[in-house]
Amino acid sequence: MKGLKIFIVSVLLFLTGEAFASQAPPQGQPQSQPSTLALRLNDVFRMMLESNLSVAVARLPPDVAQSATGTYLQPFQPTLHVSGTGTRGTTPSISLLNGAPFLFQLTHSYEVGIGQRLRTGTSYALDVTMNRATSNNLFFLYNPSWFAQLRYAIAQPLLRNLGSGVNGHSIRIAQNNHRISESQFEQQMMDLVEQAQNNYWDYVFSIEDMKVKQESVQLAEKTLEENQMKVAAGVLAPLDVVQAESQVANMQDALIVSTYTSRQNEDQLKKTITNQPDPGLLLAKITPVDALRRPAPEDLVSITDAIRIALENRPEMKQARLAVDNAEIDRGYTKNQTLPVLDVNAAYTQTGLAGIPNLASPLGGIPIVGVIPGPSGGMSDALRQLVHADYKTYSFGFNLQIPLSNKAARSDYDRALSAKKLAQAQVDGTAQQIALEVRNAMIRVEMNRAHIETAAKARETAQKTLDAEQKKFDLGVSTLFFVLQDQTNLAIAETNEVQALVNYTKSLVALDRATGQTLSRNRIVIEKATPRIASN
């Protein structure tokens, strides 16, 4: 029996973390971590935000959504284009009007321009063209010649595709999708913080439960020693010792189970605060610092205020409202697409021409100097005419297209209208579900608050019952069976009281989650998909 007790004690020492030989670093390597790590909940949050793998993964979707928004800006970005073309050719002539038996031409054409479509639907373009031509055609006034042109053009839709709301609908939806992604990240962070809190309090419970089990083992061992002494003195029968030994074994077994559970809860908490592939690589023994919550009057607000706070703060409501906004944007766009096309356009062109005059005349040999309209010169002279706007051209126009059958566009509009109604219904459904979750969370808080009182009363009663039964046993008017039974009942009552405190604390955590206050309660703020703990 003594050897069995030594073995059990050794196992308990190993499981409670006092024997870390199997986790120690190899001989000759320095210990890189402290043997114990005292943590407050605030420390858990800080380490989780810095190292938790789930947080690192959850940060990525908002960045992806933000990048996707930029792709819808491409149709509205200004475009600069530059082109150049050179052509040389010789063709036979079939007419005297070609000015030569065979026509030789060498041309160079260059163009620079900028254009853009604005979100209002307006399109503009500005193009500068310079052409140089050389030919053996005797009828050319300039040979070589430089022809320059500056053209301004603008077009504006008046019905379909009019306005920034219509043309920028994809951008607005993408921006809302980015906000939805940020809200989903906030929701994930709330879930992770809630999980971290629950892991912390589960670990606190397992430690407190171990203490209860250790006290039960000590009490059972004390009873065993006293009974062994009484058997040796002939006061008790040997059967009472067997019963006491059975009680010790049962209590030790409960302690072993509680110890294993504590190690599992500790590993779960380590997973929350580390990015190690194996949380067990964090060798330090975690020691929680924060104490369990006792009920306080300010823990609860009225159910009406709680639901109002939840509807204002829950990310699910933000996402549902943004979905309605997206549906309305789509509805407005599809309605606009059912309109006819009516565009107006205008253009203004400035022209310049210069070159070396061709003095020869195949018609009678009469020189044509003086009838050439433009000045002689080169490219600079053509550009000078261009700037002075000596030669101008104006143009105005419109384009009207009326679809004779517009079933496709109207069907798309009907689809968008139904989608908006669905999104609005989902808002109402989400609000109803949130209200139900808040009510359930408050009921659990009230239930666990009452459970704390009854559990404390049960523990006090169990202690008094054990004390009274022990006195009766010492006086010889009771049996050991009832004493051991009352010891078991006391251990259960003490565990239930600790569990009631943990359940109450966790129910407050669940209430914060139901009202959307998980992050604000713990002073965690999110800026550009980067969560951090706010300074005091």
Protein backbone atom coordinates (compact mmCIF):
# COMPACT_ATOMS: atom_id res chain seq x y z
CA MET A 1 0.00 0.00 0.00
CA LYS A 2 2.82 2.42 0.82
CA GLY A 3 4.49 1.74 -2.56
CA LEU A 4 1.22 2.45 -4.36
CA LYS A 5 0.89 5.78 -2.57
CA ILE A 6 4.43 6.77 -3.51
CA PHE A 7 3.73 5.92 -7.16
CA ILE A 8 0.51 7.96 -7.21
CA VAL A 9 2.18 10.98 -5.60
CA SER A 10 4.98 10.82 -8.18
CA VAL A 11 2.47 10.77 -11.02
CA LEU A 12 0.63 13.75 -9.54
CA LEU A 13 3.84 15.76 -9.19
CA PHE A 14 4.64 15.13 -12.84
CA LEU A 15 1.16 16.04 -14.08
CA THR A 16 0.90 19.26 -12.05
CA GLY A 17 4.03 20.62 -13.70
CA GLU A 18 6.42 20.26 -10.81
CA ALA A 19 8.37 17.63 -12.73
CA PHE A 20 9.29 19.04 -16.15
CA ALA A 21 12.21 16.75 -16.86
CA SER A 22 10.60 15.38 -20.05
CA GLN A 23 10.09 18.92 -21.41
CA ALA A 24 13.47 20.32 -20.46
CA PRO A 25 15.84 21.40 -23.25
CA PRO A 26 18.75 19.11 -24.14
CA GLN A 27 21.71 19.19 -21.83
CA GLY A 28 24.09 22.02 -22.66
CA GLN A 29 21.38 24.29 -24.15
CA PRO A 30 20.20 27.31 -22.16
CA GLN A 31 16.66 27.48 -20.78
CA SER A 32 14.95 29.91 -23.19
CA GLN A 33 11.70 30.31 -21.24
CA PRO A 34 10.80 30.91 -17.60
CA SER A 35 9.51 27.95 -15.61
CA THR A 36 6.25 29.80 -14.88
CA LEU A 37 4.40 32.48 -16.81
CA ALA A 38 1.96 34.61 -14.84
CA LEU A 39 -0.77 35.89 -17.16
CA ARG A 40 -3.62 38.29 -16.80
CA LEU A 41 -6.40 38.28 -19.36
CA ASN A 42 -4.97 41.49 -20.80
CA ASP A 43 -1.65 39.69 -21.31
CA VAL A 44 -3.46 36.87 -23.10
CA PHE A 45 -5.10 39.37 -25.47
CA ARG A 46 -1.81 41.12 -26.17
CA MET A 47 0.03 37.89 -26.93
CA MET A 48 -2.89 36.61 -28.99
CA LEU A 49 -2.94 39.74 -31.18
CA GLU A 50 0.80 39.45 -31.72
CA SER A 51 1.20 35.71 -32.30
CA ASN A 52 -2.07 33.86 -32.79
CA LEU A 53 -2.18 32.11 -36.17
CA SER A 54 -5.92 32.60 -36.57
CA VAL A 55 -5.51 36.36 -36.15
CA ALA A 56 -2.78 36.41 -38.81
CA VAL A 57 -5.03 34.53 -41.26
CA ALA A 58 -8.11 36.65 -40.51
CA ARG A 59 -6.20 39.85 -41.37
CA LEU A 60 -5.80 38.85 -45.05
CA PRO A 61 -9.38 39.00 -46.49
CA PRO A 62 -9.83 42.78 -45.80
CA ASP A 63 -6.56 43.47 -47.64
CA VAL A 64 -7.73 41.34 -50.56
CA ALA A 65 -11.09 43.15 -50.66
CA GLN A 66 -9.37 46.54 -50.58
CA SER A 67 -7.12 45.56 -53.48
CA ALA A 68 -10.14 44.36 -55.45
CA THR A 69 -11.71 47.82 -55.09
CA GLY A 70 -8.87 49.36 -57.09
CA THR A 71 -9.53 47.14 -60.10
CA TYR A 72 -12.89 48.86 -60.70
CA LEU A 73 -11.18 52.26 -61.02
CA GLN A 74 -9.43 51.26 -64.23
CA PRO A 75 -12.21 52.40 -66.67
CA PHE A 76 -12.03 55.90 -65.17
CA GLN A 77 -8.29 56.38 -65.22
CA PRO A 78 -6.83 58.79 -67.83
CA THR A 79 -4.94 57.19 -70.71
CA LEU A 80 -1.97 58.66 -72.55
CA HIS A 81 -1.30 57.24 -75.98
CA VAL A 82 1.64 57.87 -78.31
CA SER A 83 1.92 56.38 -81.79
CA GLY A 84 4.10 56.76 -84.82
CA THR A 85 3.88 55.34 -88.35
CA GLY A 86 6.17 55.57 -91.36
CA THR A 87 5.11 54.56 -94.89
CA ARG A 88 7.03 54.52 -98.17
CA GLY A 89 5.55 53.36 -101.46
CA THR A 90 5.63 53.64 -105.25
CA THR A 91 2.51 53.07 -107.37
CA PRO A 92 1.92 53.42 -111.14
CA SER A 93 -0.27 56.26 -112.31
CA ILE A 94 -3.28 55.81 -114.56
CA SER A 95 -4.19 59.51 -114.69
CA LEU A 96 -2.40 62.77 -115.48
CA LEU A 97 -3.99 64.15 -112.33
CA ASN A 98 -1.60 62.08 -110.29
CA GLY A 99 1.08 64.55 -111.28
CA ALA A 100 3.67 61.94 -112.30
CA PRO A 101 3.99 58.78 -114.46
CA PHE A 102 4.47 56.80 -111.25
CA LEU A 103 3.59 58.11 -107.82
CA PHE A 104 6.21 58.00 -105.09
CA GLN A 105 5.18 58.84 -101.52
CA LEU A 106 7.00 58.93 -98.17
CA THR A 107 4.89 59.76 -95.10
CA HIS A 108 5.52 59.97 -91.36
CA SER A 109 2.61 60.22 -88.94
CA TYR A 110 2.89 60.88 -85.20
CA GLU A 111 0.13 61.23 -82.64
CA VAL A 112 0.04 62.06 -78.93
CA GLY A 113 -3.18 62.19 -77.02
CA ILE A 114 -4.89 61.84 -73.67
CA GLY A 115 -8.40 60.65 -72.94
CA GLN A 116 -10.55 59.76 -69.97
CA ARG A 117 -14.02 58.64 -69.07
CA LEU A 118 -15.30 60.32 -65.92
CA ARG A 119 -17.62 58.72 -63.39
CA THR A 120 -20.30 61.20 -64.42
CA GLY A 121 -20.35 59.47 -67.82
CA THR A 122 -18.52 62.30 -69.55
CA SER A 123 -15.76 61.31 -71.97
CA TYR A 124 -13.11 63.70 -73.24
CA ALA A 125 -10.13 63.39 -75.57
CA LEU A 126 -7.28 65.66 -76.59
CA ASP A 127 -5.16 64.56 -79.57
CA VAL A 128 -2.23 66.20 -81.33
CA THR A 129 -1.29 64.85 -84.78
CA MET A 130 1.72 65.71 -86.95
CA ASN A 131 2.07 64.32 -90.49
CA ARG A 132 5.01 64.83 -92.84
CA ALA A 133 4.60 63.90 -96.52
CA THR A 134 7.02 63.82 -99.45
CA SER A 135 5.93 62.94 -103.00
CA ASN A 136 6.83 63.41 -106.68
CA ASN A 137 3.27 64.60 -107.34
CA LEU A 138 3.62 67.93 -109.19
CA PHE A 139 0.20 69.03 -107.97
CA PHE A 140 1.23 69.11 -104.29
CA LEU A 141 1.36 72.71 -103.05
CA TYR A 142 4.05 71.78 -100.53
CA ASN A 143 6.67 69.16 -101.04
CA PRO A 144 7.59 68.13 -98.43
CA SER A 145 4.63 69.25 -96.27
CA TRP A 146 3.90 69.30 -92.55
CA PHE A 147 0.28 68.95 -91.47
CA ALA A 148 -0.55 69.50 -87.76
CA GLN A 149 -3.88 69.05 -86.06
CA LEU A 150 -5.13 69.61 -82.51
CA ARG A 151 -8.52 68.10 -81.71
CA TYR A 152 -10.70 68.48 -78.62
CA ALA A 153 -13.65 66.13 -78.24
CA ILE A 154 -16.25 65.60 -75.53
CA ALA A 155 -19.28 63.32 -75.21
CA GLN A 156 -21.99 63.21 -72.55
CA PRO A 157 -24.80 60.66 -72.06
CA LEU A 158 -28.11 62.23 -71.02
CA LEU A 159 -30.15 59.12 -70.19
CA ARG A 160 -28.46 55.72 -69.93
CA ASN A 161 -25.12 55.78 -68.05
CA LEU A 162 -25.67 59.31 -66.74
CA GLY A 163 -24.21 60.20 -63.34
CA SER A 164 -21.52 58.97 -60.99
CA GLY A 165 -23.98 56.75 -59.12
CA VAL A 166 -24.61 54.66 -62.21
CA ASN A 167 -21.12 54.58 -63.70
CA GLY A 168 -19.43 54.02 -60.35
CA HIS A 169 -21.80 51.34 -59.10
CA SER A 170 -19.12 48.62 -59.24
CA ILE A 171 -16.74 50.80 -57.21
CA ARG A 172 -19.39 51.55 -54.60
CA ILE A 173 -20.28 47.86 -54.28
CA ALA A 174 -16.58 46.94 -53.99
CA GLN A 175 -16.12 49.58 -51.28
CA ASN A 176 -19.09 48.16 -49.39
CA ASN A 177 -17.65 44.66 -49.82
CA HIS A 178 -14.43 45.94 -48.29
CA ARG A 179 -16.42 47.29 -45.33
CA ILE A 180 -18.21 43.95 -45.06
CA SER A 181 -14.84 42.18 -45.03
CA GLU A 182 -13.61 44.50 -42.27
CA SER A 183 -16.79 43.82 -40.31
CA GLN A 184 -16.30 40.09 -40.78
CA PHE A 185 -12.75 40.49 -39.47
CA GLU A 186 -14.16 42.33 -36.45
CA GLN A 187 -16.60 39.47 -35.96
CA GLN A 188 -13.78 36.92 -36.13
CA MET A 189 -11.80 38.94 -33.62
CA MET A 190 -14.77 38.98 -31.26
CA ASP A 191 -15.04 35.21 -31.56
CA LEU A 192 -11.31 34.77 -30.92
CA VAL A 193 -11.37 37.08 -27.90
CA GLU A 194 -14.40 35.26 -26.52
CA GLN A 195 -12.67 31.94 -27.07
CA ALA A 196 -9.52 33.21 -25.37
CA GLN A 197 -11.55 34.32 -22.35
CA ASN A 198 -13.33 30.98 -22.13
CA ASN A 199 -10.02 29.12 -22.41
CA TYR A 200 -8.59 31.28 -19.63
CA TRP A 201 -11.51 30.67 -17.28
CA ASP A 202 -11.63 26.95 -18.12
CA TYR A 203 -7.99 26.77 -17.10
CA VAL A 204 -8.73 28.73 -13.93
CA PHE A 205 -11.51 26.26 -13.11
CA SER A 206 -9.24 23.26 -13.69
CA ILE A 207 -6.66 24.70 -11.29
CA GLU A 208 -9.27 25.44 -8.64
CA ASP A 209 -10.77 22.00 -9.17
CA MET A 210 -7.34 20.45 -8.65
CA LYS A 211 -7.08 22.31 -5.34
CA VAL A 212 -10.45 20.91 -4.27
CA LYS A 213 -9.40 17.41 -5.28
CA GLN A 214 -6.09 17.73 -3.43
CA GLU A 215 -7.90 18.82 -0.27
CA SER A 216 -10.25 15.86 -0.67
CA VAL A 217 -7.26 13.52 -0.99
CA GLN A 218 -5.70 15.01 2.14
CA LEU A 219 -8.95 14.69 4.06
CA ALA A 220 -9.39 11.08 2.92
CA GLU A 221 -5.79 10.27 3.87
CA LYS A 222 -6.28 11.86 7.29
CA THR A 223 -9.38 9.77 7.85
CA LEU A 224 -7.48 6.65 6.77
CA GLU A 225 -4.63 7.34 9.20
CA GLU A 226 -7.06 7.94 12.06
CA ASN A 227 -8.95 4.75 11.30
CA GLN A 228 -5.73 2.74 11.07
CA MET A 229 -4.83 4.00 14.52
CA LYS A 230 -8.29 3.08 15.82
CA VAL A 231 -8.09 -0.40 14.28
CA ALA A 232 -4.69 -0.86 15.87
CA ALA A 233 -6.24 0.18 19.19
CA GLY A 234 -9.11 -2.25 18.64
CA VAL A 235 -11.73 0.48 18.47
CA LEU A 236 -12.71 -0.10 14.82
CA ALA A 237 -13.11 -3.16 12.67
CA PRO A 238 -10.54 -3.78 9.88
CA LEU A 239 -13.35 -3.36 7.33
CA ASP A 240 -13.47 0.35 8.13
CA VAL A 241 -9.84 0.67 7.03
CA VAL A 242 -10.68 -0.95 3.71
CA GLN A 243 -13.48 1.56 3.21
CA ALA A 244 -11.14 4.43 4.02
CA GLU A 245 -8.51 3.08 1.61
CA SER A 246 -11.16 2.87 -1.11
CA GLN A 247 -12.09 6.50 -0.41
CA VAL A 248 -8.45 7.56 -0.76
CA ALA A 249 -8.11 5.69 -4.04
CA ASN A 250 -11.29 7.28 -5.41
CA MET A 251 -10.17 10.76 -4.45
CA GLN A 252 -6.71 10.20 -5.93
CA ASP A 253 -8.30 8.96 -9.14
CA ALA A 254 -10.45 12.10 -9.32
CA LEU A 255 -7.32 14.20 -8.78
CA ILE A 256 -5.52 12.45 -11.65
CA VAL A 257 -8.45 13.10 -14.01
CA SER A 258 -8.61 16.73 -12.92
CA THR A 259 -4.85 17.10 -13.45
CA TYR A 260 -5.00 15.71 -16.96
CA THR A 261 -7.90 18.03 -17.74
CA SER A 262 -5.89 20.97 -16.43
CA ARG A 263 -3.00 20.12 -18.75
CA GLN A 264 -5.36 19.97 -21.71
CA ASN A 265 -6.85 23.35 -20.81
CA GLU A 266 -3.38 24.79 -20.41
CA ASP A 267 -2.39 23.58 -23.89
CA GLN A 268 -5.56 25.11 -25.31
CA LEU A 269 -4.66 28.43 -23.68
CA LYS A 270 -1.11 28.17 -25.02
CA LYS A 271 -2.52 27.68 -28.51
CA THR A 272 -4.26 31.02 -28.11
CA ILE A 273 -1.08 32.97 -27.31
CA THR A 274 1.56 31.33 -29.51
CA ASN A 275 2.27 30.77 -33.19
CA GLN A 276 4.19 27.58 -32.52
CA PRO A 277 3.00 24.61 -34.63
CA ASP A 278 2.88 22.63 -31.37
CA PRO A 279 1.59 24.70 -28.42
CA GLY A 280 3.34 22.26 -26.09
CA LEU A 281 6.66 23.77 -27.21
CA LEU A 282 5.85 26.65 -24.89
CA LEU A 283 7.54 25.09 -21.89
CA ALA A 284 6.56 27.62 -19.24
CA LYS A 285 3.86 26.69 -16.76
CA ILE A 286 1.04 29.23 -17.09
CA THR A 287 -0.24 30.74 -13.88
CA PRO A 288 -3.49 32.73 -14.21
CA VAL A 289 -3.59 35.95 -12.20
CA ASP A 290 -7.14 37.29 -12.66
CA ALA A 291 -9.69 36.03 -10.14
CA LEU A 292 -13.17 34.74 -10.88
CA ARG A 293 -15.96 37.30 -11.11
CA ARG A 294 -18.40 37.69 -8.27
CA PRO A 295 -21.87 39.04 -9.16
CA ALA A 296 -22.18 42.83 -9.12
CA PRO A 297 -25.24 45.06 -9.64
CA GLU A 298 -23.69 46.79 -12.67
CA ASP A 299 -23.20 43.50 -14.52
CA LEU A 300 -26.63 43.77 -16.15
CA VAL A 301 -28.57 46.53 -17.87
CA SER A 302 -32.20 46.45 -18.91
CA ILE A 303 -33.14 44.08 -21.69
CA THR A 304 -34.27 47.01 -23.86
CA ASP A 305 -30.91 48.76 -23.53
CA ALA A 306 -29.04 45.51 -24.12
CA ILE A 307 -30.89 44.83 -27.38
CA ARG A 308 -30.40 48.44 -28.52
CA ILE A 309 -26.66 48.21 -27.84
CA ALA A 310 -26.48 44.90 -29.69
CA LEU A 311 -28.25 46.26 -32.78
CA GLU A 312 -25.81 49.18 -32.83
CA ASN A 313 -22.63 47.16 -32.34
CA ARG A 314 -23.07 43.66 -33.73
CA PRO A 315 -20.99 43.18 -36.92
CA GLU A 316 -23.77 41.02 -38.35
CA MET A 317 -26.10 44.04 -38.44
CA LYS A 318 -23.44 46.14 -40.14
CA GLN A 319 -22.98 43.45 -42.76
CA ALA A 320 -26.72 43.09 -43.32
CA ARG A 321 -27.17 46.86 -43.75
CA LEU A 322 -24.26 47.03 -46.19
CA ALA A 323 -25.83 44.17 -48.14
CA VAL A 324 -29.02 46.25 -48.43
CA ASP A 325 -26.93 49.20 -49.61
CA ASN A 326 -25.32 47.00 -52.26
CA ALA A 327 -28.73 45.77 -53.38
CA GLU A 328 -29.98 49.35 -53.70
CA ILE A 329 -26.92 50.32 -55.76
CA ASP A 330 -27.55 47.38 -58.06
CA ARG A 331 -31.25 48.26 -58.32
CA GLY A 332 -30.46 51.85 -59.32
CA TYR A 333 -27.95 50.72 -61.93
CA THR A 334 -30.25 48.14 -63.52
CA LYS A 335 -33.12 50.66 -63.62
CA ASN A 336 -30.89 53.12 -65.46
CA GLN A 337 -30.00 50.45 -68.00
CA THR A 338 -33.65 50.23 -69.06
CA LEU A 339 -33.48 53.82 -70.41
CA PRO A 340 -32.78 54.67 -74.07
CA VAL A 341 -29.36 55.85 -75.18
CA LEU A 342 -29.14 59.60 -75.78
CA ASP A 343 -25.62 61.01 -76.07
CA VAL A 344 -24.49 64.44 -77.19
CA ASN A 345 -21.00 65.19 -78.47
CA ALA A 346 -18.93 68.12 -79.60
CA ALA A 347 -15.50 68.57 -81.15
CA TYR A 348 -13.17 71.46 -81.91
CA THR A 349 -10.21 71.12 -84.26
CA GLN A 350 -7.28 73.45 -84.97
CA THR A 351 -5.16 72.86 -88.07
CA GLY A 352 -1.75 74.02 -89.30
CA LEU A 353 -0.02 73.46 -92.63
CA ALA A 354 3.47 74.39 -93.82
CA GLY A 355 6.13 73.13 -96.16
CA ILE A 356 8.37 73.92 -99.12
CA PRO A 357 6.27 75.42 -101.96
CA ASN A 358 6.16 73.46 -105.20
CA LEU A 359 6.85 76.17 -107.86
CA ALA A 360 6.51 73.95 -110.91
CA SER A 361 3.15 73.88 -112.71
CA PRO A 362 2.28 71.20 -115.25
CA LEU A 363 -0.62 73.35 -116.47
CA GLY A 364 0.93 75.79 -118.97
CA GLY A 365 4.12 76.33 -117.06
CA ILE A 366 2.68 79.21 -115.05
CA PRO A 367 4.29 79.59 -111.63
CA ILE A 368 1.77 79.33 -108.77
CA VAL A 369 3.72 81.33 -106.24
CA GLY A 370 1.38 83.67 -104.43
CA VAL A 371 -1.65 81.42 -104.58
CA ILE A 372 -0.32 79.02 -101.97
CA PRO A 373 -2.49 79.66 -98.88
CA GLY A 374 -0.01 78.90 -96.14
CA PRO A 375 3.49 80.06 -95.33
CA SER A 376 6.51 78.18 -96.39
CA GLY A 377 8.57 76.57 -93.70
CA GLY A 378 8.80 73.42 -91.67
CA MET A 379 7.20 71.69 -88.70
CA SER A 380 7.57 74.70 -86.40
CA ASP A 381 5.57 76.83 -88.82
CA ALA A 382 2.78 74.26 -88.90
CA LEU A 383 2.70 74.20 -85.10
CA ARG A 384 2.63 78.00 -85.02
CA GLN A 385 -0.50 78.02 -87.15
CA LEU A 386 -1.93 75.38 -84.86
CA VAL A 387 -1.39 77.52 -81.78
CA HIS A 388 -2.77 80.67 -83.42
CA ALA A 389 -5.86 78.72 -84.50
CA ASP A 390 -5.76 80.14 -88.04
CA TYR A 391 -7.84 77.22 -89.29
CA LYS A 392 -10.66 75.95 -87.09
CA THR A 393 -13.40 73.38 -87.33
CA TYR A 394 -16.43 72.91 -85.07
CA SER A 395 -18.78 69.95 -84.87
CA PHE A 396 -21.82 69.02 -82.79
CA GLY A 397 -23.99 65.93 -82.77
CA PHE A 398 -26.19 63.51 -80.86
CA ASN A 399 -26.91 59.78 -80.82
CA LEU A 400 -30.32 58.34 -79.92
CA GLN A 401 -30.99 54.60 -79.56
CA ILE A 402 -34.39 53.34 -78.47
CA PRO A 403 -34.61 49.56 -77.94
CA LEU A 404 -37.70 48.08 -79.52
CA SER A 405 -37.59 45.16 -77.06
CA ASN A 406 -36.04 45.71 -73.64
CA LYS A 407 -36.96 42.45 -71.91
CA ALA A 408 -33.40 41.57 -70.84
CA ALA A 409 -32.79 44.91 -69.11
CA ARG A 410 -36.19 44.87 -67.42
CA SER A 411 -35.70 41.29 -66.24
CA ASP A 412 -32.35 42.29 -64.74
CA TYR A 413 -34.06 45.19 -62.97
CA ASP A 414 -36.75 42.87 -61.59
CA ARG A 415 -33.98 40.56 -60.34
CA ALA A 416 -32.24 43.46 -58.56
CA LEU A 417 -35.53 44.62 -57.03
CA SER A 418 -36.21 41.15 -55.61
CA ALA A 419 -32.64 40.94 -54.30
CA LYS A 420 -33.14 44.21 -52.40
CA LYS A 421 -36.34 42.93 -50.81
CA LEU A 422 -34.50 39.77 -49.77
CA ALA A 423 -31.62 41.78 -48.27
CA GLN A 424 -34.06 43.93 -46.30
CA ALA A 425 -35.82 40.83 -45.00
CA GLN A 426 -32.46 39.43 -43.92
CA VAL A 427 -31.83 42.61 -41.91
CA ASP A 428 -35.07 42.06 -40.02
CA GLY A 429 -34.26 38.38 -39.52
CA THR A 430 -30.76 39.20 -38.25
CA ALA A 431 -32.15 41.78 -35.83
CA GLN A 432 -34.65 39.24 -34.49
CA GLN A 433 -31.93 36.61 -34.04
CA ILE A 434 -29.67 39.09 -32.24
CA ALA A 435 -32.48 40.08 -29.89
CA LEU A 436 -33.07 36.41 -29.09
CA GLU A 437 -29.36 35.84 -28.43
CA VAL A 438 -29.25 38.84 -26.09
CA ARG A 439 -32.26 37.58 -24.15
CA ASN A 440 -30.78 34.09 -23.86
CA ALA A 441 -27.43 35.51 -22.73
CA MET A 442 -29.09 37.62 -20.03
CA ILE A 443 -31.12 34.62 -18.86
CA ARG A 444 -27.92 32.59 -18.52
CA VAL A 445 -26.29 35.39 -16.52
CA GLU A 446 -29.27 35.56 -14.15
CA MET A 447 -29.41 31.76 -13.88
CA ASN A 448 -25.70 31.46 -13.09
CA ARG A 449 -25.94 34.30 -10.59
CA ALA A 450 -28.66 32.36 -8.75
CA HIS A 451 -26.62 29.18 -9.13
CA ILE A 452 -23.70 30.80 -7.28
CA GLU A 453 -25.91 31.43 -4.27
CA THR A 454 -27.38 27.94 -4.22
CA ALA A 455 -23.97 26.32 -4.81
CA ALA A 456 -22.45 28.28 -1.92
CA LYS A 457 -25.36 27.28 0.30
CA ALA A 458 -24.97 23.64 -0.75
CA ARG A 459 -21.24 23.73 0.02
CA GLU A 460 -21.87 25.24 3.46
CA THR A 461 -24.52 22.62 4.18
CA ALA A 462 -22.24 19.82 3.00
CA GLN A 463 -19.47 21.08 5.27
CA LYS A 464 -21.78 21.28 8.27
CA THR A 465 -23.19 17.84 7.52
CA LEU A 466 -19.70 16.34 7.35
CA ASP A 467 -18.66 18.02 10.58
CA ALA A 468 -21.77 16.73 12.35
CA GLU A 469 -21.37 13.22 10.94
CA GLN A 470 -17.70 13.18 11.94
CA LYS A 471 -18.63 14.10 15.52
CA LYS A 472 -21.28 11.38 15.59
CA PHE A 473 -18.72 8.91 14.26
CA ASP A 474 -16.23 9.94 16.91
CA LEU A 475 -18.95 9.37 19.54
CA GLY A 476 -19.72 5.96 18.08
CA VAL A 477 -23.27 6.73 17.00
CA SER A 478 -22.56 6.71 13.24
CA THR A 479 -20.66 4.59 10.76
CA LEU A 480 -17.65 5.34 8.60
CA PHE A 481 -19.76 4.83 5.48
CA PHE A 482 -21.75 8.00 6.17
CA VAL A 483 -18.61 9.97 6.96
CA LEU A 484 -16.99 8.97 3.69
CA GLN A 485 -20.22 9.68 1.81
CA ASP A 486 -20.36 13.17 3.29
CA GLN A 487 -16.71 13.74 2.31
CA THR A 488 -17.61 12.87 -1.28
CA ASN A 489 -20.64 15.16 -1.14
CA LEU A 490 -18.47 18.02 0.17
CA ALA A 491 -15.96 17.56 -2.66
CA ILE A 492 -18.78 17.64 -5.20
CA ALA A 493 -20.30 20.74 -3.58
CA GLU A 494 -16.96 22.57 -3.59
CA THR A 495 -16.43 21.74 -7.27
CA ASN A 496 -19.96 22.88 -8.07
CA GLU A 497 -19.35 26.21 -6.36
CA VAL A 498 -16.19 26.82 -8.37
CA GLN A 499 -18.00 25.75 -11.53
CA ALA A 500 -20.85 28.16 -10.75
CA LEU A 501 -18.37 31.06 -10.46
CA VAL A 502 -16.73 30.07 -13.74
CA ASN A 503 -20.10 29.70 -15.48
CA TYR A 504 -21.15 33.14 -14.27
CA THR A 505 -17.93 34.72 -15.53
CA LYS A 506 -18.26 32.95 -18.89
CA SER A 507 -21.91 33.98 -19.16
CA LEU A 508 -20.82 37.61 -18.84
CA VAL A 509 -18.35 36.94 -21.65
CA ALA A 510 -21.20 35.52 -23.75
CA LEU A 511 -23.36 38.56 -22.95
CA ASP A 512 -20.61 40.90 -24.15
CA ARG A 513 -20.45 38.88 -27.37
CA ALA A 514 -24.24 38.96 -27.78
CA THR A 515 -24.32 42.76 -27.37
CA GLY A 516 -21.28 43.27 -29.62
CA GLN A 517 -19.13 44.74 -26.82
CA THR A 518 -16.43 42.06 -26.65
CA LEU A 519 -13.71 44.25 -28.14
CA SER A 520 -14.67 47.51 -26.43
CA ARG A 521 -14.97 45.84 -23.01
CA ASN A 522 -11.43 44.56 -23.38
CA ARG A 523 -10.10 47.82 -24.90
CA ILE A 524 -9.24 46.22 -28.25
CA VAL A 525 -9.43 48.53 -31.25
CA ILE A 526 -9.06 47.66 -34.94
CA GLU A 527 -7.42 50.04 -37.38
CA LYS A 528 -6.97 48.96 -41.00
CA ALA A 529 -7.37 45.28 -40.16
CA THR A 530 -4.76 45.60 -37.39
CA PRO A 531 -6.14 44.90 -33.91
CA ARG A 532 -4.40 46.35 -30.88
CA ILE A 533 -5.08 47.02 -27.21
CA ALA A 534 -5.95 50.66 -26.62
CA SER A 535 -3.77 52.61 -24.23
CA ASN A 536 -5.25 53.95 -21.05
